[in-house]
Amino acid sequence: SSVEKHVSLMLPNPPQFIPITFPYYERVTL
């Protein structure tokens, strides 16, 4: 979710992130 994504950005080499669970509302899917 967004929690794991933003925590991972504090790493020296952040992993690629793929959302699968909430809370995550940063992508518009039409």
Full PDB file with SEQRES, HELIX, SHEET, SSBOND, CRYST1, ORIGX, SCALE, CONECT and MASTER records, all heavy atoms in Angstrom:
SEQRES   1 A   30  SER SER VAL GLU LYS HIS VAL SER LEU MET LEU PRO ASN          
SEQRES   2 A   30  PRO PRO GLN PHE ILE PRO ILE THR PHE PRO TYR TYR GLU          
SEQRES   3 A   30  ARG VAL THR LEU                                              
HELIX    1 AA1 SER A    2  SER A    8  1                                   7    
CRYST1    1.000    1.000    1.000  90.00  90.00  90.00 P 1           1          
ORIGX1      1.000000  0.000000  0.000000        0.00000                         
ORIGX2      0.000000  1.000000  0.000000        0.00000                         
ORIGX3      0.000000  0.000000  1.000000        0.00000                         
SCALE1      1.000000  0.000000  0.000000        0.00000                         
SCALE2      0.000000  1.000000  0.000000        0.00000                         
SCALE3      0.000000  0.000000  1.000000        0.00000                         
ATOM      1  N   SER A   1       0.841  -1.197   0.000  1.00  0.00           N  
ATOM      2  CA  SER A   1       0.000   0.000   0.000  1.00  0.00           C  
ATOM      3  C   SER A   1       0.875   1.246   0.000  1.00  0.00           C  
ATOM      4  O   SER A   1       2.107   1.166  -0.067  1.00  0.00           O  
ATOM      5  CB  SER A   1      -0.897  -0.005   1.241  1.00  0.00           C  
ATOM      6  OG  SER A   1      -0.109   0.201   2.417  1.00  0.00           O  
ATOM      7  N   SER A   2       0.236   2.399   0.124  1.00  0.00           N  
ATOM      8  CA  SER A   2       0.982   3.660   0.187  1.00  0.00           C  
ATOM      9  C   SER A   2       1.925   3.692   1.385  1.00  0.00           C  
ATOM     10  O   SER A   2       2.974   4.335   1.338  1.00  0.00           O  
ATOM     11  CB  SER A   2       0.010   4.834   0.271  1.00  0.00           C  
ATOM     12  OG  SER A   2      -0.699   5.000  -0.929  1.00  0.00           O  
ATOM     13  N   VAL A   3       1.549   3.018   2.461  1.00  0.00           N  
ATOM     14  CA  VAL A   3       2.405   2.996   3.651  1.00  0.00           C  
ATOM     15  C   VAL A   3       3.753   2.376   3.313  1.00  0.00           C  
ATOM     16  O   VAL A   3       4.815   2.964   3.571  1.00  0.00           O  
ATOM     17  CB  VAL A   3       1.719   2.212   4.798  1.00  0.00           C  
ATOM     18  CG1 VAL A   3       2.670   2.088   5.991  1.00  0.00           C  
ATOM     19  CG2 VAL A   3       0.431   2.892   5.213  1.00  0.00           C  
ATOM     20  N   GLU A   4       3.734   1.189   2.724  1.00  0.00           N  
ATOM     21  CA  GLU A   4       4.987   0.515   2.375  1.00  0.00           C  
ATOM     22  C   GLU A   4       5.759   1.289   1.303  1.00  0.00           C  
ATOM     23  O   GLU A   4       6.983   1.363   1.348  1.00  0.00           O  
ATOM     24  CB  GLU A   4       4.707  -0.910   1.882  1.00  0.00           C  
ATOM     25  CG  GLU A   4       4.227  -1.865   2.965  1.00  0.00           C  
ATOM     26  CD  GLU A   4       2.768  -1.651   3.326  1.00  0.00           C  
ATOM     27  OE1 GLU A   4       1.961  -1.363   2.414  1.00  0.00           O  
ATOM     28  OE2 GLU A   4       2.428  -1.765   4.521  1.00  0.00           O  
ATOM     29  N   LYS A   5       5.025   1.881   0.376  1.00  0.00           N  
ATOM     30  CA  LYS A   5       5.690   2.636  -0.682  1.00  0.00           C  
ATOM     31  C   LYS A   5       6.504   3.794  -0.101  1.00  0.00           C  
ATOM     32  O   LYS A   5       7.693   3.962  -0.432  1.00  0.00           O  
ATOM     33  CB  LYS A   5       4.652   3.186  -1.664  1.00  0.00           C  
ATOM     34  CG  LYS A   5       5.251   4.100  -2.720  1.00  0.00           C  
ATOM     35  CD  LYS A   5       4.178   4.716  -3.601  1.00  0.00           C  
ATOM     36  CE  LYS A   5       4.785   5.702  -4.597  1.00  0.00           C  
ATOM     37  NZ  LYS A   5       3.759   6.331  -5.455  1.00  0.00           N  
ATOM     38  N   HIS A   6       5.879   4.582   0.763  1.00  0.00           N  
ATOM     39  CA  HIS A   6       6.555   5.779   1.274  1.00  0.00           C  
ATOM     40  C   HIS A   6       7.651   5.426   2.287  1.00  0.00           C  
ATOM     41  O   HIS A   6       8.661   6.133   2.375  1.00  0.00           O  
ATOM     42  CB  HIS A   6       5.534   6.732   1.864  1.00  0.00           C  
ATOM     43  CG  HIS A   6       4.660   7.375   0.823  1.00  0.00           C  
ATOM     44  ND1 HIS A   6       5.126   8.317  -0.065  1.00  0.00           N  
ATOM     45  CD2 HIS A   6       3.359   7.173   0.508  1.00  0.00           C  
ATOM     46  CE1 HIS A   6       4.145   8.684  -0.884  1.00  0.00           C  
ATOM     47  NE2 HIS A   6       3.071   8.001  -0.562  1.00  0.00           N  
ATOM     48  N   VAL A   7       7.464   4.342   3.030  1.00  0.00           N  
ATOM     49  CA  VAL A   7       8.539   3.894   3.909  1.00  0.00           C  
ATOM     50  C   VAL A   7       9.736   3.447   3.082  1.00  0.00           C  
ATOM     51  O   VAL A   7      10.892   3.750   3.413  1.00  0.00           O  
ATOM     52  CB  VAL A   7       8.048   2.757   4.830  1.00  0.00           C  
ATOM     53  CG1 VAL A   7       9.234   2.093   5.535  1.00  0.00           C  
ATOM     54  CG2 VAL A   7       7.060   3.279   5.852  1.00  0.00           C  
ATOM     55  N   SER A   8       9.489   2.750   1.982  1.00  0.00           N  
ATOM     56  CA  SER A   8      10.590   2.232   1.158  1.00  0.00           C  
ATOM     57  C   SER A   8      11.398   3.349   0.518  1.00  0.00           C  
ATOM     58  O   SER A   8      12.572   3.144   0.177  1.00  0.00           O  
ATOM     59  CB  SER A   8      10.049   1.301   0.072  1.00  0.00           C  
ATOM     60  OG  SER A   8       9.359   2.025  -0.938  1.00  0.00           O  
ATOM     61  N   LEU A   9      10.804   4.519   0.343  1.00  0.00           N  
ATOM     62  CA  LEU A   9      11.531   5.632  -0.272  1.00  0.00           C  
ATOM     63  C   LEU A   9      12.654   6.154   0.619  1.00  0.00           C  
ATOM     64  O   LEU A   9      13.516   6.911   0.164  1.00  0.00           O  
ATOM     65  CB  LEU A   9      10.560   6.767  -0.612  1.00  0.00           C  
ATOM     66  CG  LEU A   9       9.525   6.451  -1.699  1.00  0.00           C  
ATOM     67  CD1 LEU A   9       8.582   7.626  -1.911  1.00  0.00           C  
ATOM     68  CD2 LEU A   9      10.208   6.066  -3.004  1.00  0.00           C  
ATOM     69  N   MET A  10      12.661   5.737   1.886  1.00  0.00           N  
ATOM     70  CA  MET A  10      13.741   6.133   2.788  1.00  0.00           C  
ATOM     71  C   MET A  10      14.959   5.225   2.664  1.00  0.00           C  
ATOM     72  O   MET A  10      15.997   5.485   3.277  1.00  0.00           O  
ATOM     73  CB  MET A  10      13.238   6.130   4.240  1.00  0.00           C  
ATOM     74  CG  MET A  10      12.205   7.214   4.529  1.00  0.00           C  
ATOM     75  SD  MET A  10      11.723   7.297   6.272  1.00  0.00           S  
ATOM     76  CE  MET A  10      10.545   5.945   6.334  1.00  0.00           C  
ATOM     77  N   LEU A  11      14.845   4.159   1.870  1.00  0.00           N  
ATOM     78  CA  LEU A  11      15.973   3.256   1.665  1.00  0.00           C  
ATOM     79  C   LEU A  11      16.981   3.854   0.686  1.00  0.00           C  
ATOM     80  O   LEU A  11      16.608   4.648  -0.192  1.00  0.00           O  
ATOM     81  CB  LEU A  11      15.475   1.920   1.116  1.00  0.00           C  
ATOM     82  CG  LEU A  11      14.551   1.099   2.017  1.00  0.00           C  
ATOM     83  CD1 LEU A  11      13.967  -0.065   1.234  1.00  0.00           C  
ATOM     84  CD2 LEU A  11      15.289   0.611   3.244  1.00  0.00           C  
ATOM     85  N   PRO A  12      18.247   3.474   0.784  1.00  0.00           N  
ATOM     86  CA  PRO A  12      19.247   3.980  -0.175  1.00  0.00           C  
ATOM     87  C   PRO A  12      18.898   3.611  -1.616  1.00  0.00           C  
ATOM     88  O   PRO A  12      19.081   4.417  -2.535  1.00  0.00           O  
ATOM     89  CB  PRO A  12      20.543   3.285   0.281  1.00  0.00           C  
ATOM     90  CG  PRO A  12      20.306   2.916   1.707  1.00  0.00           C  
ATOM     91  CD  PRO A  12      18.842   2.632   1.826  1.00  0.00           C  
ATOM     92  N   ASN A  13      18.390   2.392  -1.826  1.00  0.00           N  
ATOM     93  CA  ASN A  13      17.975   1.936  -3.159  1.00  0.00           C  
ATOM     94  C   ASN A  13      16.552   1.393  -3.066  1.00  0.00           C  
ATOM     95  O   ASN A  13      16.353   0.170  -2.877  1.00  0.00           O  
ATOM     96  CB  ASN A  13      18.925   0.850  -3.678  1.00  0.00           C  
ATOM     97  CG  ASN A  13      20.335   1.355  -3.876  1.00  0.00           C  
ATOM     98  OD1 ASN A  13      20.563   2.276  -4.653  1.00  0.00           O  
ATOM     99  ND2 ASN A  13      21.282   0.760  -3.155  1.00  0.00           N  
ATOM    100  N   PRO A  14      15.563   2.254  -3.194  1.00  0.00           N  
ATOM    101  CA  PRO A  14      14.172   1.817  -3.036  1.00  0.00           C  
ATOM    102  C   PRO A  14      13.790   0.775  -4.086  1.00  0.00           C  
ATOM    103  O   PRO A  14      14.187   0.880  -5.248  1.00  0.00           O  
ATOM    104  CB  PRO A  14      13.362   3.109  -3.234  1.00  0.00           C  
ATOM    105  CG  PRO A  14      14.328   4.211  -2.987  1.00  0.00           C  
ATOM    106  CD  PRO A  14      15.662   3.692  -3.440  1.00  0.00           C  
ATOM    107  N   PRO A  15      13.018  -0.238  -3.706  1.00  0.00           N  
ATOM    108  CA  PRO A  15      12.559  -1.227  -4.675  1.00  0.00           C  
ATOM    109  C   PRO A  15      11.471  -0.664  -5.577  1.00  0.00           C  
ATOM    110  O   PRO A  15      10.841   0.362  -5.253  1.00  0.00           O  
ATOM    111  CB  PRO A  15      12.002  -2.341  -3.785  1.00  0.00           C  
ATOM    112  CG  PRO A  15      11.559  -1.641  -2.535  1.00  0.00           C  
ATOM    113  CD  PRO A  15      12.547  -0.518  -2.339  1.00  0.00           C  
ATOM    114  N   GLN A  16      11.252  -1.307  -6.707  1.00  0.00           N  
ATOM    115  CA  GLN A  16      10.104  -0.958  -7.538  1.00  0.00           C  
ATOM    116  C   GLN A  16       8.828  -1.309  -6.774  1.00  0.00           C  
ATOM    117  O   GLN A  16       8.756  -2.365  -6.137  1.00  0.00           O  
ATOM    118  CB  GLN A  16      10.158  -1.720  -8.856  1.00  0.00           C  
ATOM    119  CG  GLN A  16      11.274  -1.293  -9.777  1.00  0.00           C  
ATOM    120  CD  GLN A  16      11.054   0.108 -10.318  1.00  0.00           C  
ATOM    121  OE1 GLN A  16       9.941   0.500 -10.628  1.00  0.00           O  
ATOM    122  NE2 GLN A  16      12.139   0.870 -10.442  1.00  0.00           N  
ATOM    123  N   PHE A  17       7.827  -0.446  -6.855  1.00  0.00           N  
ATOM    124  CA  PHE A  17       6.608  -0.635  -6.050  1.00  0.00           C  
ATOM    125  C   PHE A  17       5.406  -0.940  -6.944  1.00  0.00           C  
ATOM    126  O   PHE A  17       5.229  -0.322  -8.009  1.00  0.00           O  
ATOM    127  CB  PHE A  17       6.315   0.620  -5.231  1.00  0.00           C  
ATOM    128  CG  PHE A  17       4.991   0.578  -4.522  1.00  0.00           C  
ATOM    129  CD1 PHE A  17       4.823  -0.187  -3.377  1.00  0.00           C  
ATOM    130  CD2 PHE A  17       3.895   1.276  -5.025  1.00  0.00           C  
ATOM    131  CE1 PHE A  17       3.600  -0.246  -2.738  1.00  0.00           C  
ATOM    132  CE2 PHE A  17       2.665   1.222  -4.392  1.00  0.00           C  
ATOM    133  CZ  PHE A  17       2.516   0.454  -3.238  1.00  0.00           C  
ATOM    134  N   ILE A  18       4.580  -1.903  -6.504  1.00  0.00           N  
ATOM    135  CA  ILE A  18       3.341  -2.248  -7.195  1.00  0.00           C  
ATOM    136  C   ILE A  18       2.217  -2.283  -6.162  1.00  0.00           C  
ATOM    137  O   ILE A  18       2.296  -3.039  -5.193  1.00  0.00           O  
ATOM    138  CB  ILE A  18       3.453  -3.615  -7.893  1.00  0.00           C  
ATOM    139  CG1 ILE A  18       4.522  -3.556  -8.993  1.00  0.00           C  
ATOM    140  CG2 ILE A  18       2.104  -4.027  -8.491  1.00  0.00           C  
ATOM    141  CD1 ILE A  18       4.793  -4.893  -9.658  1.00  0.00           C  
ATOM    142  N   PRO A  19       1.164  -1.479  -6.336  1.00  0.00           N  
ATOM    143  CA  PRO A  19       0.075  -1.464  -5.343  1.00  0.00           C  
ATOM    144  C   PRO A  19      -0.835  -2.681  -5.473  1.00  0.00           C  
ATOM    145  O   PRO A  19      -1.202  -3.081  -6.574  1.00  0.00           O  
ATOM    146  CB  PRO A  19      -0.683  -0.178  -5.688  1.00  0.00           C  
ATOM    147  CG  PRO A  19      -0.439   0.019  -7.156  1.00  0.00           C  
ATOM    148  CD  PRO A  19       0.947  -0.500  -7.413  1.00  0.00           C  
ATOM    149  N   ILE A  20      -1.191  -3.260  -4.316  1.00  0.00           N  
ATOM    150  CA  ILE A  20      -2.140  -4.371  -4.307  1.00  0.00           C  
ATOM    151  C   ILE A  20      -3.182  -4.244  -3.211  1.00  0.00           C  
ATOM    152  O   ILE A  20      -4.169  -4.992  -3.192  1.00  0.00           O  
ATOM    153  CB  ILE A  20      -1.430  -5.738  -4.146  1.00  0.00           C  
ATOM    154  CG1 ILE A  20      -0.655  -5.788  -2.821  1.00  0.00           C  
ATOM    155  CG2 ILE A  20      -0.523  -6.036  -5.331  1.00  0.00           C  
ATOM    156  CD1 ILE A  20      -0.197  -7.180  -2.437  1.00  0.00           C  
ATOM    157  N   THR A  21      -2.975  -3.310  -2.262  1.00  0.00           N  
ATOM    158  CA  THR A  21      -3.885  -3.248  -1.125  1.00  0.00           C  
ATOM    159  C   THR A  21      -4.048  -1.814  -0.648  1.00  0.00           C  
ATOM    160  O   THR A  21      -3.289  -0.924  -1.047  1.00  0.00           O  
ATOM    161  CB  THR A  21      -3.368  -4.137   0.019  1.00  0.00           C  
ATOM    162  OG1 THR A  21      -4.351  -4.207   1.062  1.00  0.00           O  
ATOM    163  CG2 THR A  21      -2.075  -3.584   0.613  1.00  0.00           C  
ATOM    164  N   PHE A  22      -5.079  -1.577   0.160  1.00  0.00           N  
ATOM    165  CA  PHE A  22      -5.324  -0.236   0.661  1.00  0.00           C  
ATOM    166  C   PHE A  22      -4.561  -0.016   1.961  1.00  0.00           C  
ATOM    167  O   PHE A  22      -4.208  -0.981   2.636  1.00  0.00           O  
ATOM    168  CB  PHE A  22      -6.836  -0.019   0.848  1.00  0.00           C  
ATOM    169  CG  PHE A  22      -7.445  -0.714   2.042  1.00  0.00           C  
ATOM    170  CD1 PHE A  22      -7.777  -0.004   3.178  1.00  0.00           C  
ATOM    171  CD2 PHE A  22      -7.694  -2.086   2.026  1.00  0.00           C  
ATOM    172  CE1 PHE A  22      -8.338  -0.633   4.282  1.00  0.00           C  
ATOM    173  CE2 PHE A  22      -8.260  -2.728   3.108  1.00  0.00           C  
ATOM    174  CZ  PHE A  22      -8.583  -1.998   4.241  1.00  0.00           C  
ATOM    175  N   PRO A  23      -4.252   1.212   2.329  1.00  0.00           N  
ATOM    176  CA  PRO A  23      -4.633   2.437   1.616  1.00  0.00           C  
ATOM    177  C   PRO A  23      -3.690   2.762   0.454  1.00  0.00           C  
ATOM    178  O   PRO A  23      -2.497   2.857   0.629  1.00  0.00           O  
ATOM    179  CB  PRO A  23      -4.516   3.508   2.709  1.00  0.00           C  
ATOM    180  CG  PRO A  23      -3.473   2.977   3.653  1.00  0.00           C  
ATOM    181  CD  PRO A  23      -3.615   1.491   3.629  1.00  0.00           C  
ATOM    182  N   TYR A  24      -4.272   2.878  -0.739  1.00  0.00           N  
ATOM    183  CA  TYR A  24      -3.524   3.341  -1.898  1.00  0.00           C  
ATOM    184  C   TYR A  24      -4.496   4.024  -2.848  1.00  0.00           C  
ATOM    185  O   TYR A  24      -5.362   3.381  -3.426  1.00  0.00           O  
ATOM    186  CB  TYR A  24      -2.819   2.199  -2.637  1.00  0.00           C  
ATOM    187  CG  TYR A  24      -1.948   2.700  -3.768  1.00  0.00           C  
ATOM    188  CD1 TYR A  24      -0.688   3.216  -3.513  1.00  0.00           C  
ATOM    189  CD2 TYR A  24      -2.414   2.701  -5.072  1.00  0.00           C  
ATOM    190  CE1 TYR A  24       0.099   3.710  -4.545  1.00  0.00           C  
ATOM    191  CE2 TYR A  24      -1.626   3.183  -6.106  1.00  0.00           C  
ATOM    192  CZ  TYR A  24      -0.375   3.687  -5.842  1.00  0.00           C  
ATOM    193  OH  TYR A  24       0.404   4.191  -6.848  1.00  0.00           O  
ATOM    194  N   TYR A  25      -4.341   5.343  -2.987  1.00  0.00           N  
ATOM    195  CA  TYR A  25      -5.256   6.112  -3.822  1.00  0.00           C  
ATOM    196  C   TYR A  25      -4.474   7.067  -4.726  1.00  0.00           C  
ATOM    197  O   TYR A  25      -4.952   8.130  -5.087  1.00  0.00           O  
ATOM    198  CB  TYR A  25      -6.237   6.895  -2.939  1.00  0.00           C  
ATOM    199  CG  TYR A  25      -6.840   6.037  -1.855  1.00  0.00           C  
ATOM    200  CD1 TYR A  25      -6.540   6.254  -0.517  1.00  0.00           C  
ATOM    201  CD2 TYR A  25      -7.697   4.983  -2.169  1.00  0.00           C  
ATOM    202  CE1 TYR A  25      -7.085   5.449   0.477  1.00  0.00           C  
ATOM    203  CE2 TYR A  25      -8.243   4.178  -1.189  1.00  0.00           C  
ATOM    204  CZ  TYR A  25      -7.934   4.417   0.133  1.00  0.00           C  
ATOM    205  OH  TYR A  25      -8.460   3.615   1.111  1.00  0.00           O  
ATOM    206  N   GLU A  26      -3.253   6.674  -5.095  1.00  0.00           N  
ATOM    207  CA  GLU A  26      -2.388   7.557  -5.863  1.00  0.00           C  
ATOM    208  C   GLU A  26      -2.446   7.280  -7.355  1.00  0.00           C  
ATOM    209  O   GLU A  26      -1.741   7.902  -8.133  1.00  0.00           O  
ATOM    210  CB  GLU A  26      -0.943   7.409  -5.348  1.00  0.00           C  
ATOM    211  CG  GLU A  26      -0.794   7.765  -3.873  1.00  0.00           C  
ATOM    212  CD  GLU A  26       0.566   7.389  -3.322  1.00  0.00           C  
ATOM    213  OE1 GLU A  26       1.538   7.394  -4.101  1.00  0.00           O  
ATOM    214  OE2 GLU A  26       0.658   7.078  -2.123  1.00  0.00           O  
ATOM    215  N   ARG A  27      -3.263   6.319  -7.762  1.00  0.00           N  
ATOM    216  CA  ARG A  27      -3.376   5.989  -9.177  1.00  0.00           C  
ATOM    217  C   ARG A  27      -4.838   6.052  -9.601  1.00  0.00           C  
ATOM    218  O   ARG A  27      -5.715   5.549  -8.904  1.00  0.00           O  
ATOM    219  CB  ARG A  27      -2.841   4.580  -9.441  1.00  0.00           C  
ATOM    220  CG  ARG A  27      -3.111   4.080 -10.855  1.00  0.00           C  
ATOM    221  CD  ARG A  27      -2.740   2.621 -11.025  1.00  0.00           C  
ATOM    222  NE  ARG A  27      -1.292   2.441 -11.064  1.00  0.00           N  
ATOM    223  CZ  ARG A  27      -0.716   1.256 -11.137  1.00  0.00           C  
ATOM    224  NH1 ARG A  27      -1.456   0.161 -11.158  1.00  0.00           N  
ATOM    225  NH2 ARG A  27       0.602   1.158 -11.172  1.00  0.00           N  
ATOM    226  N   VAL A  28      -5.088   6.691 -10.719  1.00  0.00           N  
ATOM    227  CA  VAL A  28      -6.438   6.721 -11.284  1.00  0.00           C  
ATOM    228  C   VAL A  28      -6.568   5.547 -12.242  1.00  0.00           C  
ATOM    229  O   VAL A  28      -5.775   5.391 -13.175  1.00  0.00           O  
ATOM    230  CB  VAL A  28      -6.701   8.047 -12.026  1.00  0.00           C  
ATOM    231  CG1 VAL A  28      -8.061   8.006 -12.713  1.00  0.00           C  
ATOM    232  CG2 VAL A  28      -6.633   9.218 -11.049  1.00  0.00           C  
ATOM    233  N   THR A  29      -7.551   4.690 -12.021  1.00  0.00           N  
ATOM    234  CA  THR A  29      -7.781   3.531 -12.876  1.00  0.00           C  
ATOM    235  C   THR A  29      -9.165   3.644 -13.499  1.00  0.00           C  
ATOM    236  O   THR A  29     -10.174   3.489 -12.810  1.00  0.00           O  
ATOM    237  CB  THR A  29      -7.679   2.216 -12.082  1.00  0.00           C  
ATOM    238  OG1 THR A  29      -6.394   2.143 -11.447  1.00  0.00           O  
ATOM    239  CG2 THR A  29      -7.854   1.021 -13.000  1.00  0.00           C  
ATOM    240  N   LEU A  30      -9.218   3.944 -14.779  1.00  0.00           N  
ATOM    241  CA  LEU A  30     -10.481   4.080 -15.490  1.00  0.00           C  
ATOM    242  C   LEU A  30     -10.768   2.859 -16.366  1.00  0.00           C  
ATOM    243  O   LEU A  30     -11.904   2.666 -16.808  1.00  0.00           O  
ATOM    244  CB  LEU A  30     -10.477   5.347 -16.350  1.00  0.00           C  
ATOM    245  CG  LEU A  30     -10.272   6.666 -15.586  1.00  0.00           C  
ATOM    246  CD1 LEU A  30     -10.231   7.836 -16.555  1.00  0.00           C  
ATOM    247  CD2 LEU A  30     -11.367   6.873 -14.551  1.00  0.00           C  
TER     248      LEU A  30                                                      
MASTER        0    0    0    1    0    0    0    6  247    1    0    3          
END                                                                             
